[in-house]
């Protein structure tokens, strides 16, 4: 059980993507955060930061749009102007760029003193943003900024922000210069180049940045992007509570609740017909021909229990992940399928997912589909597949076509199944709701897991049906968030190695997982080992007789 923690305050923030037309197409400015940053060290980001009190006092500088208009576009009652002002101020502080103009309409040149002397005075808190702009007779043309969307940091993060994203043309003649403290480098890249660098592990990008890049990448020129963004502002962020039912009573599900995406999907008309709880044995219709039944094996590692999915049309059915060999659970699946189950698919052979397969085969003659179990105590050694599907193979089912995706990492034989026409991914333990999966060597492989997550990000789906928990919305966001989390943890492991090495696995774990409760340090040790083995394979860590160190320091001894 985790210890109760104080919920961090969600701070309002703003981010500004600056774009320009380059030789290879539309380019975007990315700044690299310092490696000493407490949050996302070394990552590449857009200029941005928290909204300051003084941003509210700078409204007198605004030209082109009023607060009522801006707030309406951003689905706010008021204060939209403050976010745009904060985005411009942070752009000056972090990148040395300011899309402003003189009060007479004169564009701000690259030699303007506010970009150097004024910037330093602002960063040194010698002057406020409003006073600085008034000193140089500048105004802020907010009609040149377009709104792209909003991102709220998920619960559980040590710092949470409610961030609004904007885009504007890079001011001609001005040159980006990182501030040398919060930001240490910058680059102009096409979206394709940035995503490729992220995929190769050369550039850390968080989910909100990735989401914005993918949106920007749909346009061939800066003009086309700005024209579209001005004419088609995003829909309101789903921030209001949703009516549902829990324990037989009507309730309101908050946006941060695990059940939120599911009750919104299953009850779009807000009739309070969807259930905001998972009850073992209850049949939940997720889509035409798709039913979820949860096994009664709730626990610290299985959450509310293992989800079994029944795909069928009344005449034929198949099961994805029958779960443990629990007779009541398996009889329930048979009851719902009226005894007609022709195939049993498993995502992997951990003992909470596949042991029920042999039981169902004995009762129905169903063919078993999956990959053979590797060695290990946590594996279902009795599972013998009748068919071992290939990566990319398609299986026809009564509910539609399933695409098989080999996703090793959590387990070497892990598969996901994508119901293509419904854009629904059955993820097994590749993506879990509310927690990260355990990567336990030797069968667990961190490098393979991260690579498989990247590959999943290229598939077309919008909802995830996990092995444990409710449906997960914003599916690609969930995957990008997992990648970001793993790479951020890897940075902590490398930092522990540089500060504590040579050191034992246990000592490094306590340093790199200092935010994990004592009761979970054993599991954290296995994940730390997975990270270290990945770093060793990449030549960034070495071990000798159970002692780990950085390669450079090890070679000098």
Protein backbone atom coordinates (compact mmCIF):
# COMPACT_ATOMS: atom_id res chain seq x y z
CA UNK A 1 0.00 0.00 0.00
CA UNK A 2 1.34 3.42 -0.91
CA UNK A 3 1.55 6.18 1.65
CA UNK A 4 -0.93 9.08 1.27
CA UNK A 5 0.67 12.07 -0.35
CA UNK A 6 -0.37 15.68 -0.64
CA UNK A 7 -1.92 16.33 -4.04
CA UNK A 8 0.21 18.89 -5.89
CA UNK A 9 -1.48 22.09 -7.02
CA UNK A 10 -2.26 22.23 -10.73
CA UNK A 11 -0.59 25.40 -12.00
CA UNK A 12 -1.77 27.26 -15.12
CA UNK A 13 0.90 27.29 -17.84
CA UNK A 14 1.39 28.18 -21.49
CA UNK A 15 3.60 26.96 -24.31
CA UNK A 16 4.38 28.52 -27.69
CA UNK A 17 5.42 26.58 -30.80
CA UNK A 18 7.34 28.82 -33.20
CA UNK A 19 7.30 27.69 -36.84
CA UNK A 20 8.93 28.77 -40.06
CA UNK A 21 9.30 27.53 -43.63
CA UNK A 22 12.65 25.82 -44.23
CA UNK A 23 14.28 24.19 -47.23
CA UNK A 24 12.91 20.77 -46.25
CA UNK A 25 9.47 22.07 -45.32
CA UNK A 26 7.78 23.39 -42.19
CA UNK A 27 10.23 23.66 -39.28
CA UNK A 28 9.60 24.08 -35.55
CA UNK A 29 11.85 25.42 -32.79
CA UNK A 30 12.76 23.01 -29.99
CA UNK A 31 14.76 23.98 -26.89
CA UNK A 32 16.73 21.47 -24.84
CA UNK A 33 16.17 21.62 -21.10
CA UNK A 34 19.16 21.54 -18.79
CA UNK A 35 20.25 18.13 -17.52
CA UNK A 36 19.97 19.52 -13.98
CA UNK A 37 16.22 20.12 -14.33
CA UNK A 38 14.06 18.32 -11.78
CA UNK A 39 11.42 17.61 -14.45
CA UNK A 40 12.23 16.09 -17.86
CA UNK A 41 16.00 16.79 -17.76
CA UNK A 42 17.59 16.99 -21.20
CA UNK A 43 14.26 16.86 -23.01
CA UNK A 44 13.45 19.03 -26.00
CA UNK A 45 10.45 21.30 -25.50
CA UNK A 46 8.72 24.37 -26.85
CA UNK A 47 9.30 27.64 -24.98
CA UNK A 48 6.83 27.91 -22.12
CA UNK A 49 6.18 27.98 -18.42
CA UNK A 50 3.77 28.87 -15.64
CA UNK A 51 1.43 31.84 -15.86
CA UNK A 52 2.73 34.61 -13.60
CA UNK A 53 0.69 37.13 -11.62
CA UNK A 54 2.31 39.90 -13.62
CA UNK A 55 0.97 38.39 -16.85
CA UNK A 56 -2.48 39.44 -15.65
CA UNK A 57 -1.18 43.00 -15.30
CA UNK A 58 0.12 43.07 -18.89
CA UNK A 59 -3.27 43.06 -20.61
CA UNK A 60 -2.85 46.74 -21.45
CA UNK A 61 -0.16 45.69 -23.95
CA UNK A 62 -2.54 43.51 -25.98
CA UNK A 63 -3.54 44.34 -29.55
CA UNK A 64 -5.63 42.50 -32.12
CA UNK A 65 -7.98 40.48 -29.88
CA UNK A 66 -9.76 40.99 -26.59
CA UNK A 67 -9.95 38.63 -23.65
CA UNK A 68 -13.57 37.63 -24.29
CA UNK A 69 -12.74 36.43 -27.81
CA UNK A 70 -9.57 34.60 -26.80
CA UNK A 71 -11.22 32.97 -23.77
CA UNK A 72 -14.14 31.74 -25.85
CA UNK A 73 -11.77 30.04 -28.30
CA UNK A 74 -9.97 28.40 -25.36
CA UNK A 75 -13.27 27.32 -23.71
CA UNK A 76 -12.56 29.51 -20.68
CA UNK A 77 -14.86 31.91 -18.91
CA UNK A 78 -12.09 34.52 -18.82
CA UNK A 79 -8.32 34.91 -18.63
CA UNK A 80 -7.32 33.43 -21.98
CA UNK A 81 -5.23 36.53 -22.66
CA UNK A 82 -3.06 35.78 -19.64
CA UNK A 83 -1.98 32.44 -21.12
CA UNK A 84 -0.95 34.06 -24.40
CA UNK A 85 0.99 36.78 -22.57
CA UNK A 86 2.76 34.12 -20.48
CA UNK A 87 3.69 32.22 -23.65
CA UNK A 88 5.28 35.34 -25.16
CA UNK A 89 7.12 36.24 -21.95
CA UNK A 90 8.52 32.72 -21.58
CA UNK A 91 9.56 32.77 -25.24
CA UNK A 92 11.65 35.86 -24.58
CA UNK A 93 13.15 34.47 -21.37
CA UNK A 94 13.99 30.98 -22.66
CA UNK A 95 14.64 31.48 -26.39
CA UNK A 96 15.48 35.18 -26.78
CA UNK A 97 12.60 35.62 -29.26
CA UNK A 98 9.64 37.97 -28.94
CA UNK A 99 6.81 38.09 -31.53
CA UNK A 100 5.90 41.68 -30.64
CA UNK A 101 5.79 45.02 -32.45
CA UNK A 102 6.12 48.72 -31.78
CA UNK A 103 3.01 50.63 -30.81
CA UNK A 104 3.21 52.15 -34.31
CA UNK A 105 3.06 48.67 -35.87
CA UNK A 106 6.80 48.40 -36.60
CA UNK A 107 8.05 44.78 -36.50
CA UNK A 108 10.61 43.94 -33.83
CA UNK A 109 14.02 43.59 -35.49
CA UNK A 110 16.68 41.07 -34.55
CA UNK A 111 18.85 43.86 -33.17
CA UNK A 112 16.28 45.25 -30.77
CA UNK A 113 17.77 45.77 -27.28
CA UNK A 114 14.87 44.02 -25.53
CA UNK A 115 16.18 40.71 -26.95
CA UNK A 116 19.47 41.04 -25.08
CA UNK A 117 19.63 43.72 -22.36
CA UNK A 118 15.91 43.66 -21.74
CA UNK A 119 15.83 39.86 -21.61
CA UNK A 120 18.59 39.74 -19.02
CA UNK A 121 16.85 42.35 -16.88
CA UNK A 122 13.64 40.32 -17.07
CA UNK A 123 15.36 37.06 -16.18
CA UNK A 124 17.16 38.77 -13.31
CA UNK A 125 13.83 40.07 -12.02
CA UNK A 126 15.10 43.65 -12.28
CA UNK A 127 11.99 44.59 -14.25
CA UNK A 128 8.58 43.09 -14.98
CA UNK A 129 7.36 42.12 -18.44
CA UNK A 130 4.80 44.92 -18.69
CA UNK A 131 7.24 47.59 -17.58
CA UNK A 132 9.86 46.22 -19.98
CA UNK A 133 7.54 46.36 -22.98
CA UNK A 134 6.34 49.85 -22.02
CA UNK A 135 9.97 50.96 -21.69
CA UNK A 136 10.52 50.06 -25.36
CA UNK A 137 7.04 51.19 -26.56
CA UNK A 138 6.06 47.65 -27.56
CA UNK A 139 2.69 45.94 -27.79
CA UNK A 140 1.64 42.28 -28.09
CA UNK A 141 -0.31 41.38 -31.27
CA UNK A 142 -2.20 38.34 -29.93
CA UNK A 143 -4.13 37.94 -33.19
CA UNK A 144 -0.92 36.39 -34.55
CA UNK A 145 -1.09 33.52 -32.08
CA UNK A 146 -3.37 30.55 -32.78
CA UNK A 147 -4.68 28.12 -30.18
CA UNK A 148 -3.68 24.44 -30.53
CA UNK A 149 -5.03 22.74 -27.43
CA UNK A 150 -4.66 21.92 -23.77
CA UNK A 151 -2.87 19.32 -21.69
CA UNK A 152 -3.26 18.67 -17.97
CA UNK A 153 -0.52 16.65 -16.28
CA UNK A 154 -2.03 13.33 -15.12
CA UNK A 155 -2.42 12.68 -11.38
CA UNK A 156 0.57 11.18 -9.61
CA UNK A 157 3.23 13.47 -11.09
CA UNK A 158 5.23 15.52 -8.55
CA UNK A 159 4.42 18.68 -10.51
CA UNK A 160 1.16 19.25 -12.36
CA UNK A 161 0.36 21.88 -14.96
CA UNK A 162 -2.76 22.88 -16.87
CA UNK A 163 -0.98 23.92 -20.07
CA UNK A 164 -2.47 25.67 -23.10
CA UNK A 165 -0.56 25.37 -26.37
CA UNK A 166 -0.25 28.10 -29.00
CA UNK A 167 1.51 28.45 -32.34
CA UNK A 168 2.86 31.49 -34.20
CA UNK A 169 5.30 32.38 -36.94
CA UNK A 170 8.89 32.83 -35.81
CA UNK A 171 9.64 36.59 -35.91
CA UNK A 172 11.74 37.29 -39.03
CA UNK A 173 15.28 38.47 -38.37
CA UNK A 174 15.36 37.35 -34.75
CA UNK A 175 17.75 34.56 -33.73
CA UNK A 176 16.99 31.96 -31.07
CA UNK A 177 19.48 31.95 -28.18
CA UNK A 178 18.93 29.56 -25.22
CA UNK A 179 19.19 31.21 -21.81
CA UNK A 180 22.03 28.92 -20.69
CA UNK A 181 20.35 27.90 -17.44
CA UNK A 182 16.86 26.50 -18.03
CA UNK A 183 17.60 25.84 -21.70
CA UNK A 184 21.04 24.85 -22.98
CA UNK A 185 20.60 24.26 -26.73
CA UNK A 186 18.13 24.76 -29.55
CA UNK A 187 17.37 23.30 -32.97
CA UNK A 188 15.08 23.92 -35.91
CA UNK A 189 13.73 20.65 -37.31
CA UNK A 190 10.93 19.40 -39.49
CA UNK A 191 8.39 17.32 -37.61
CA UNK A 192 9.59 14.21 -39.42
CA UNK A 193 13.18 14.85 -38.34
CA UNK A 194 12.15 15.43 -34.72
CA UNK A 195 10.03 12.28 -34.53
CA UNK A 196 12.80 10.20 -36.11
CA UNK A 197 15.34 11.54 -33.60
CA UNK A 198 12.94 10.70 -30.76
CA UNK A 199 12.43 7.19 -32.13
CA UNK A 200 16.21 6.65 -32.29
CA UNK A 201 16.57 7.76 -28.67
CA UNK A 202 18.53 10.85 -29.64
CA UNK A 203 15.91 13.40 -28.55
CA UNK A 204 13.64 13.19 -25.53
CA UNK A 205 10.13 14.43 -26.28
CA UNK A 206 7.26 14.32 -23.79
CA UNK A 207 3.72 13.39 -24.80
CA UNK A 208 2.34 16.95 -25.02
CA UNK A 209 5.24 17.90 -27.29
CA UNK A 210 4.75 14.78 -29.41
CA UNK A 211 1.03 15.44 -29.74
CA UNK A 212 1.64 19.02 -30.84
CA UNK A 213 4.33 17.97 -33.31
CA UNK A 214 2.01 15.43 -34.91
CA UNK A 215 -0.63 18.11 -35.33
CA UNK A 216 1.88 20.53 -36.85
CA UNK A 217 3.22 17.79 -39.10
CA UNK A 218 -0.05 17.60 -41.02
CA UNK A 219 0.76 20.89 -42.79
CA UNK A 220 3.20 21.65 -45.58
CA UNK A 221 3.76 25.32 -44.76
CA UNK A 222 3.59 27.71 -41.84
CA UNK A 223 0.89 29.72 -43.59
CA UNK A 224 -1.32 26.64 -44.04
CA UNK A 225 -0.87 25.67 -40.39
CA UNK A 226 -1.73 29.12 -39.04
CA UNK A 227 -4.69 29.47 -41.37
CA UNK A 228 -6.11 26.14 -40.23
CA UNK A 229 -5.41 26.77 -36.53
CA UNK A 230 -7.14 30.16 -36.60
CA UNK A 231 -10.18 28.79 -38.42
CA UNK A 232 -10.50 25.50 -36.53
CA UNK A 233 -9.81 25.89 -32.82
CA UNK A 234 -9.84 22.60 -30.88
CA UNK A 235 -12.93 21.42 -29.08
CA UNK A 236 -13.23 21.93 -25.36
CA UNK A 237 -11.08 19.78 -23.11
CA UNK A 238 -13.25 17.05 -21.50
CA UNK A 239 -12.98 18.54 -18.06
CA UNK A 240 -16.46 18.27 -16.58
CA UNK A 241 -17.60 15.40 -14.36
CA UNK A 242 -19.53 12.60 -16.07
CA UNK A 243 -22.65 10.91 -14.63
CA UNK A 244 -22.40 7.17 -14.00
CA UNK A 245 -23.41 4.49 -11.52
CA UNK A 246 -21.47 2.95 -8.66
CA UNK A 247 -22.80 0.39 -6.15
CA UNK A 248 -26.28 0.85 -7.58
CA UNK A 249 -26.33 4.60 -7.08
CA UNK A 250 -25.87 7.55 -9.39
CA UNK A 251 -22.47 9.26 -9.08
CA UNK A 252 -20.28 11.83 -10.80
CA UNK A 253 -16.98 10.65 -12.28
CA UNK A 254 -14.22 13.26 -12.20
CA UNK A 255 -11.91 13.68 -15.23
CA UNK A 256 -8.94 12.32 -13.24
CA UNK A 257 -10.82 9.13 -12.32
CA UNK A 258 -9.69 5.83 -13.90
CA UNK A 259 -13.27 5.21 -15.10
CA UNK A 260 -13.67 8.57 -16.87
CA UNK A 261 -12.71 7.57 -20.44
CA UNK A 262 -14.84 4.44 -20.24
CA UNK A 263 -18.04 6.02 -18.96
CA UNK A 264 -17.75 8.81 -21.56
CA UNK A 265 -17.31 6.25 -24.34
CA UNK A 266 -20.10 3.94 -23.21
CA UNK A 267 -22.57 6.69 -22.29
CA UNK A 268 -21.96 9.68 -24.59
CA UNK A 269 -25.45 11.05 -23.95
CA UNK A 270 -24.82 11.34 -20.19
CA UNK A 271 -27.70 9.09 -19.12
CA UNK A 272 -25.74 7.69 -16.13
CA UNK A 273 -26.02 4.22 -17.65
CA UNK A 274 -22.32 3.26 -17.53
CA UNK A 275 -20.73 1.69 -14.46
CA UNK A 276 -17.84 3.44 -12.70
CA UNK A 277 -16.68 0.26 -10.97
CA UNK A 278 -15.24 -3.10 -11.97
CA UNK A 279 -17.06 -6.07 -10.46
CA UNK A 280 -15.80 -9.63 -11.05
CA UNK A 281 -18.16 -11.61 -13.25
CA UNK A 282 -20.09 -8.58 -14.52
CA UNK A 283 -20.47 -8.51 -18.31
CA UNK A 284 -19.69 -5.05 -19.71
CA UNK A 285 -20.46 -4.39 -23.37
CA UNK A 286 -17.63 -2.23 -24.72
CA UNK A 287 -18.55 -2.26 -28.43
CA UNK A 288 -20.76 -4.32 -30.75
CA UNK A 289 -19.60 -7.91 -30.29
CA UNK A 290 -17.07 -7.05 -27.54
CA UNK A 291 -17.73 -7.89 -23.87
CA UNK A 292 -15.42 -7.61 -20.86
CA UNK A 293 -15.59 -9.95 -17.88
CA UNK A 294 -13.12 -9.47 -15.02
CA UNK A 295 -11.72 -12.40 -13.05
CA UNK A 296 -11.91 -12.45 -9.23
CA UNK A 297 -8.13 -12.18 -8.74
CA UNK A 298 -7.73 -8.58 -7.55
CA UNK A 299 -4.38 -7.76 -5.94
CA UNK A 300 -1.44 -5.39 -5.78
CA UNK A 301 -0.07 -6.68 -9.10
CA UNK A 302 -3.38 -7.34 -10.86
CA UNK A 303 -5.39 -4.29 -9.84
CA UNK A 304 -9.14 -5.03 -9.89
CA UNK A 305 -8.46 -8.38 -11.58
CA UNK A 306 -7.54 -9.80 -14.98
CA UNK A 307 -9.80 -8.72 -17.82
CA UNK A 308 -11.09 -11.40 -20.19
CA UNK A 309 -12.59 -10.20 -23.45
CA UNK A 310 -15.31 -12.13 -25.28
CA UNK A 311 -15.66 -11.40 -29.01
CA UNK A 312 -18.72 -12.90 -30.66
CA UNK A 313 -21.98 -12.57 -32.55
CA UNK A 314 -24.10 -15.16 -30.78
CA UNK A 315 -23.11 -17.97 -33.14
CA UNK A 316 -19.37 -18.09 -32.51
CA UNK A 317 -17.07 -16.57 -29.92
CA UNK A 318 -13.43 -16.25 -29.04
CA UNK A 319 -11.81 -15.25 -25.76
CA UNK A 320 -8.81 -12.97 -25.31
CA UNK A 321 -6.97 -13.76 -22.05
CA UNK A 322 -9.11 -16.29 -20.14
CA UNK A 323 -7.27 -15.38 -16.95
CA UNK A 324 -6.46 -17.77 -14.11
CA UNK A 325 -7.96 -21.25 -13.88
CA UNK A 326 -10.84 -20.02 -11.75
CA UNK A 327 -13.87 -22.25 -12.35
CA UNK A 328 -16.50 -19.61 -11.57
CA UNK A 329 -14.90 -17.10 -13.93
CA UNK A 330 -14.53 -19.60 -16.76
CA UNK A 331 -18.08 -20.89 -16.30
CA UNK A 332 -19.24 -17.29 -16.59
CA UNK A 333 -17.45 -16.94 -19.94
CA UNK A 334 -19.07 -20.16 -21.13
CA UNK A 335 -22.49 -18.94 -20.01
CA UNK A 336 -22.15 -15.66 -21.91
CA UNK A 337 -20.95 -17.49 -25.03
CA UNK A 338 -23.67 -20.15 -24.66
CA UNK A 339 -20.89 -22.72 -24.71
CA UNK A 340 -19.75 -21.75 -28.22
CA UNK A 341 -16.07 -20.75 -27.97
CA UNK A 342 -13.95 -21.72 -31.00
CA UNK A 343 -10.67 -19.99 -30.12
CA UNK A 344 -8.84 -18.76 -27.05
CA UNK A 345 -6.21 -16.07 -27.63
CA UNK A 346 -3.67 -15.12 -24.99
CA UNK A 347 -1.55 -11.97 -24.86
CA UNK A 348 1.17 -13.74 -22.86
CA UNK A 349 1.57 -16.65 -20.49
CA UNK A 350 1.94 -15.06 -17.08
CA UNK A 351 -0.09 -17.03 -14.57
CA UNK A 352 -2.78 -14.36 -14.21
CA UNK A 353 -3.55 -14.36 -17.94
CA UNK A 354 -3.43 -17.78 -19.60
CA UNK A 355 -4.05 -20.79 -17.27
CA UNK A 356 -7.78 -20.74 -18.06
CA UNK A 357 -7.00 -21.54 -21.70
CA UNK A 358 -6.41 -25.27 -21.18
CA UNK A 359 -9.59 -25.48 -19.06
CA UNK A 360 -11.67 -23.91 -21.85
CA UNK A 361 -10.07 -26.14 -24.47
CA UNK A 362 -10.96 -29.22 -22.46
CA UNK A 363 -14.61 -28.05 -22.21
CA UNK A 364 -15.15 -26.70 -25.73
CA UNK A 365 -12.37 -28.02 -27.97
CA UNK A 366 -11.32 -24.43 -28.68
CA UNK A 367 -8.04 -23.87 -30.51
CA UNK A 368 -5.40 -22.02 -28.50
CA UNK A 369 -3.65 -19.05 -30.13
CA UNK A 370 -0.50 -17.45 -28.72
CA UNK A 371 3.22 -17.96 -28.33
CA UNK A 372 4.82 -20.74 -26.25
CA UNK A 373 5.79 -19.86 -22.68
CA UNK A 374 9.43 -19.04 -21.95
CA UNK A 375 11.12 -20.50 -18.87
CA UNK A 376 10.32 -19.00 -15.49
CA UNK A 377 8.28 -19.50 -12.34
CA UNK A 378 5.78 -16.80 -13.33
CA UNK A 379 4.95 -18.57 -16.60
CA UNK A 380 2.07 -20.91 -17.40
CA UNK A 381 4.16 -23.90 -18.50
CA UNK A 382 1.04 -25.91 -19.40
CA UNK A 383 0.00 -23.57 -22.20
CA UNK A 384 0.52 -25.30 -25.56
CA UNK A 385 -0.69 -23.22 -28.51
CA UNK A 386 -2.37 -24.79 -31.52
CA UNK A 387 -1.41 -21.77 -33.59
CA UNK A 388 1.51 -19.36 -33.14
CA UNK A 389 0.55 -16.17 -35.00
CA UNK A 390 3.08 -14.02 -36.82
CA UNK A 391 3.57 -10.32 -36.20
CA UNK A 392 1.19 -8.50 -38.52
CA UNK A 393 -0.99 -11.55 -39.13
CA UNK A 394 -4.73 -10.89 -39.31
CA UNK A 395 -7.32 -13.11 -37.66
CA UNK A 396 -10.95 -12.95 -38.73
CA UNK A 397 -13.40 -12.88 -35.81
CA UNK A 398 -17.17 -12.37 -35.43
CA UNK A 399 -16.44 -8.86 -34.11
CA UNK A 400 -14.09 -7.88 -36.94
CA UNK A 401 -10.48 -8.35 -38.03
CA UNK A 402 -7.81 -8.65 -35.34
CA UNK A 403 -4.26 -7.61 -36.24
CA UNK A 404 -1.59 -9.48 -34.25
CA UNK A 405 1.25 -7.33 -32.89
CA UNK A 406 4.31 -8.89 -31.25
CA UNK A 407 5.21 -6.60 -28.35
CA UNK A 408 8.06 -8.16 -26.32
CA UNK A 409 9.43 -6.47 -23.21
CA UNK A 410 7.12 -7.25 -20.32
CA UNK A 411 7.30 -10.83 -21.57
CA UNK A 412 9.21 -12.15 -24.57
CA UNK A 413 6.06 -13.83 -25.92
CA UNK A 414 3.74 -10.86 -25.40
CA UNK A 415 1.17 -10.11 -28.10
CA UNK A 416 -1.35 -7.30 -28.52
CA UNK A 417 -4.45 -7.65 -30.66
CA UNK A 418 -5.84 -4.70 -32.61
CA UNK A 419 -9.54 -4.78 -33.57
CA UNK A 420 -8.97 -2.62 -36.61
CA UNK A 421 -12.42 -1.39 -37.62
CA UNK A 422 -13.24 -0.41 -34.03
CA UNK A 423 -9.77 1.10 -33.41
CA UNK A 424 -9.60 -0.85 -30.16
CA UNK A 425 -6.32 -2.32 -28.89
CA UNK A 426 -6.33 -5.30 -26.53
CA UNK A 427 -3.04 -4.53 -24.83
CA UNK A 428 -2.62 -7.28 -22.25
CA UNK A 429 0.07 -6.01 -19.88
CA UNK A 430 1.85 -3.85 -22.47
CA UNK A 431 -0.18 -0.86 -21.28
CA UNK A 432 -1.82 -0.90 -17.85
CA UNK A 433 -4.16 1.62 -16.36
CA UNK A 434 -2.82 3.76 -13.54
CA UNK A 435 0.59 2.11 -13.26
CA UNK A 436 3.63 1.01 -15.19
CA UNK A 437 4.23 -2.67 -15.88
CA UNK A 438 7.01 -4.65 -14.26
CA UNK A 439 9.97 -5.43 -16.53
CA UNK A 440 11.62 -8.40 -14.84
CA UNK A 441 14.82 -9.79 -16.41
CA UNK A 442 15.85 -12.13 -17.86
CA UNK A 443 12.60 -12.58 -19.80
CA UNK A 444 11.65 -8.93 -19.28
CA UNK A 445 13.65 -6.64 -21.55
CA UNK A 446 13.52 -2.85 -21.17
CA UNK A 447 15.02 -2.07 -24.59
CA UNK A 448 12.52 -4.38 -26.28
CA UNK A 449 9.65 -2.91 -24.26
CA UNK A 450 10.41 0.69 -25.23
CA UNK A 451 10.89 -0.32 -28.88
CA UNK A 452 7.54 -2.13 -28.82
CA UNK A 453 5.84 0.96 -27.38
CA UNK A 454 7.28 3.05 -30.20
CA UNK A 455 5.99 0.51 -32.73
CA UNK A 456 2.52 0.57 -31.17
CA UNK A 457 2.53 4.33 -31.59
CA UNK A 458 2.53 3.80 -35.35
CA UNK A 459 -0.70 1.76 -35.30
CA UNK A 460 -4.19 3.22 -35.80
CA UNK A 461 -6.33 3.01 -32.64
CA UNK A 462 -7.88 5.46 -30.20
CA UNK A 463 -8.87 3.29 -27.22
CA UNK A 464 -6.99 0.65 -25.23
CA UNK A 465 -8.65 -2.33 -23.55
CA UNK A 466 -5.98 -3.27 -20.99
CA UNK A 467 -5.37 -6.53 -19.18
CA UNK A 468 -6.32 -4.83 -15.92
CA UNK A 469 -8.62 -1.86 -15.33
CA UNK A 470 -11.02 0.31 -17.33
CA UNK A 471 -10.76 1.36 -20.96
CA UNK A 472 -8.00 3.90 -21.58
CA UNK A 473 -8.80 6.90 -23.77
CA UNK A 474 -6.30 9.13 -25.59
CA UNK A 475 -4.54 5.89 -26.41
CA UNK A 476 -1.45 7.26 -28.11
CA UNK A 477 -1.07 9.77 -25.31
CA UNK A 478 -0.98 6.90 -22.82
CA UNK A 479 1.75 5.19 -24.83
CA UNK A 480 3.81 8.36 -25.22
CA UNK A 481 3.43 9.00 -21.49
CA UNK A 482 4.79 5.51 -20.74
CA UNK A 483 7.81 6.11 -23.00
CA UNK A 484 8.45 9.47 -21.35
CA UNK A 485 8.18 7.90 -17.89
CA UNK A 486 10.60 5.09 -18.74
CA UNK A 487 13.19 7.41 -20.27
CA UNK A 488 12.90 9.82 -17.34
CA UNK A 489 13.51 6.90 -14.97
CA UNK A 490 16.45 5.80 -17.11
CA UNK A 491 17.94 9.26 -16.65
CA UNK A 492 17.65 8.84 -12.87
CA UNK A 493 19.38 5.46 -13.12
CA UNK A 494 22.22 7.01 -15.14
CA UNK A 495 22.45 9.88 -12.66
CA UNK A 496 22.65 7.41 -9.76
CA UNK A 497 25.34 5.51 -11.63
CA UNK A 498 27.43 8.65 -12.13
CA UNK A 499 27.05 9.78 -8.51
CA UNK A 500 27.16 6.46 -6.63
CA UNK A 501 29.09 4.14 -8.92
CA UNK A 502 30.73 1.78 -8.49
CA UNK A 503 27.73 0.46 -6.56
CA UNK A 504 25.49 -2.52 -6.10
CA UNK A 505 22.12 -2.87 -7.77
CA UNK A 506 20.37 -2.31 -4.44
CA UNK A 507 22.26 0.93 -3.72
CA UNK A 508 21.53 2.28 -7.19
CA UNK A 509 17.86 1.36 -6.87
CA UNK A 510 17.46 3.32 -3.65
CA UNK A 511 18.95 6.37 -5.36
CA UNK A 512 17.06 6.11 -8.66
CA UNK A 513 13.75 5.01 -7.10
CA UNK A 514 13.79 7.26 -4.05
CA UNK A 515 10.16 8.15 -4.74
CA UNK A 516 9.00 4.50 -4.44
CA UNK A 517 7.66 3.23 -1.07
CA UNK A 518 9.83 0.79 0.87
CA UNK A 519 7.30 -2.00 0.35
CA UNK A 520 7.82 -1.81 -3.43
CA UNK A 521 11.61 -1.53 -3.46
CA UNK A 522 11.92 -5.21 -4.39
CA UNK A 523 9.90 -4.71 -7.57
CA UNK A 524 11.78 -1.47 -8.24
CA UNK A 525 15.06 -3.39 -8.04
CA UNK A 526 13.97 -5.63 -10.92
CA UNK A 527 13.04 -2.60 -13.05
CA UNK A 528 16.35 -0.93 -12.17
CA UNK A 529 18.17 -4.06 -13.33
CA UNK A 530 16.23 -3.95 -16.60
CA UNK A 531 17.35 -0.34 -17.15
CA UNK A 532 20.96 -1.19 -16.30
CA UNK A 533 20.99 -4.13 -18.69
CA UNK A 534 19.67 -1.85 -21.43
CA UNK A 535 22.39 0.70 -20.67
CA UNK A 536 25.01 -2.06 -20.62
CA UNK A 537 23.88 -3.23 -24.06
CA UNK A 538 24.18 0.34 -25.32
CA UNK A 539 27.69 0.72 -23.86
CA UNK A 540 26.58 3.23 -21.21
CA UNK A 541 27.03 0.99 -18.14
CA UNK A 542 29.34 -1.85 -17.11
CA UNK A 543 29.11 -4.49 -14.41
CA UNK A 544 31.61 -6.76 -12.78
CA UNK A 545 30.72 -9.31 -10.12
CA UNK A 546 27.42 -7.58 -9.39
CA UNK A 547 28.90 -4.07 -9.13
CA UNK A 548 27.76 -1.46 -11.64
CA UNK A 549 29.65 1.58 -12.89
CA UNK A 550 29.91 4.08 -15.73
CA UNK A 551 32.14 2.85 -18.59
CA UNK A 552 34.52 5.83 -18.56
CA UNK A 553 35.19 5.67 -14.84
CA UNK A 554 35.54 1.90 -14.93
CA UNK A 555 38.21 2.07 -17.64
CA UNK A 556 40.25 4.61 -15.66
CA UNK A 557 40.62 2.37 -12.62
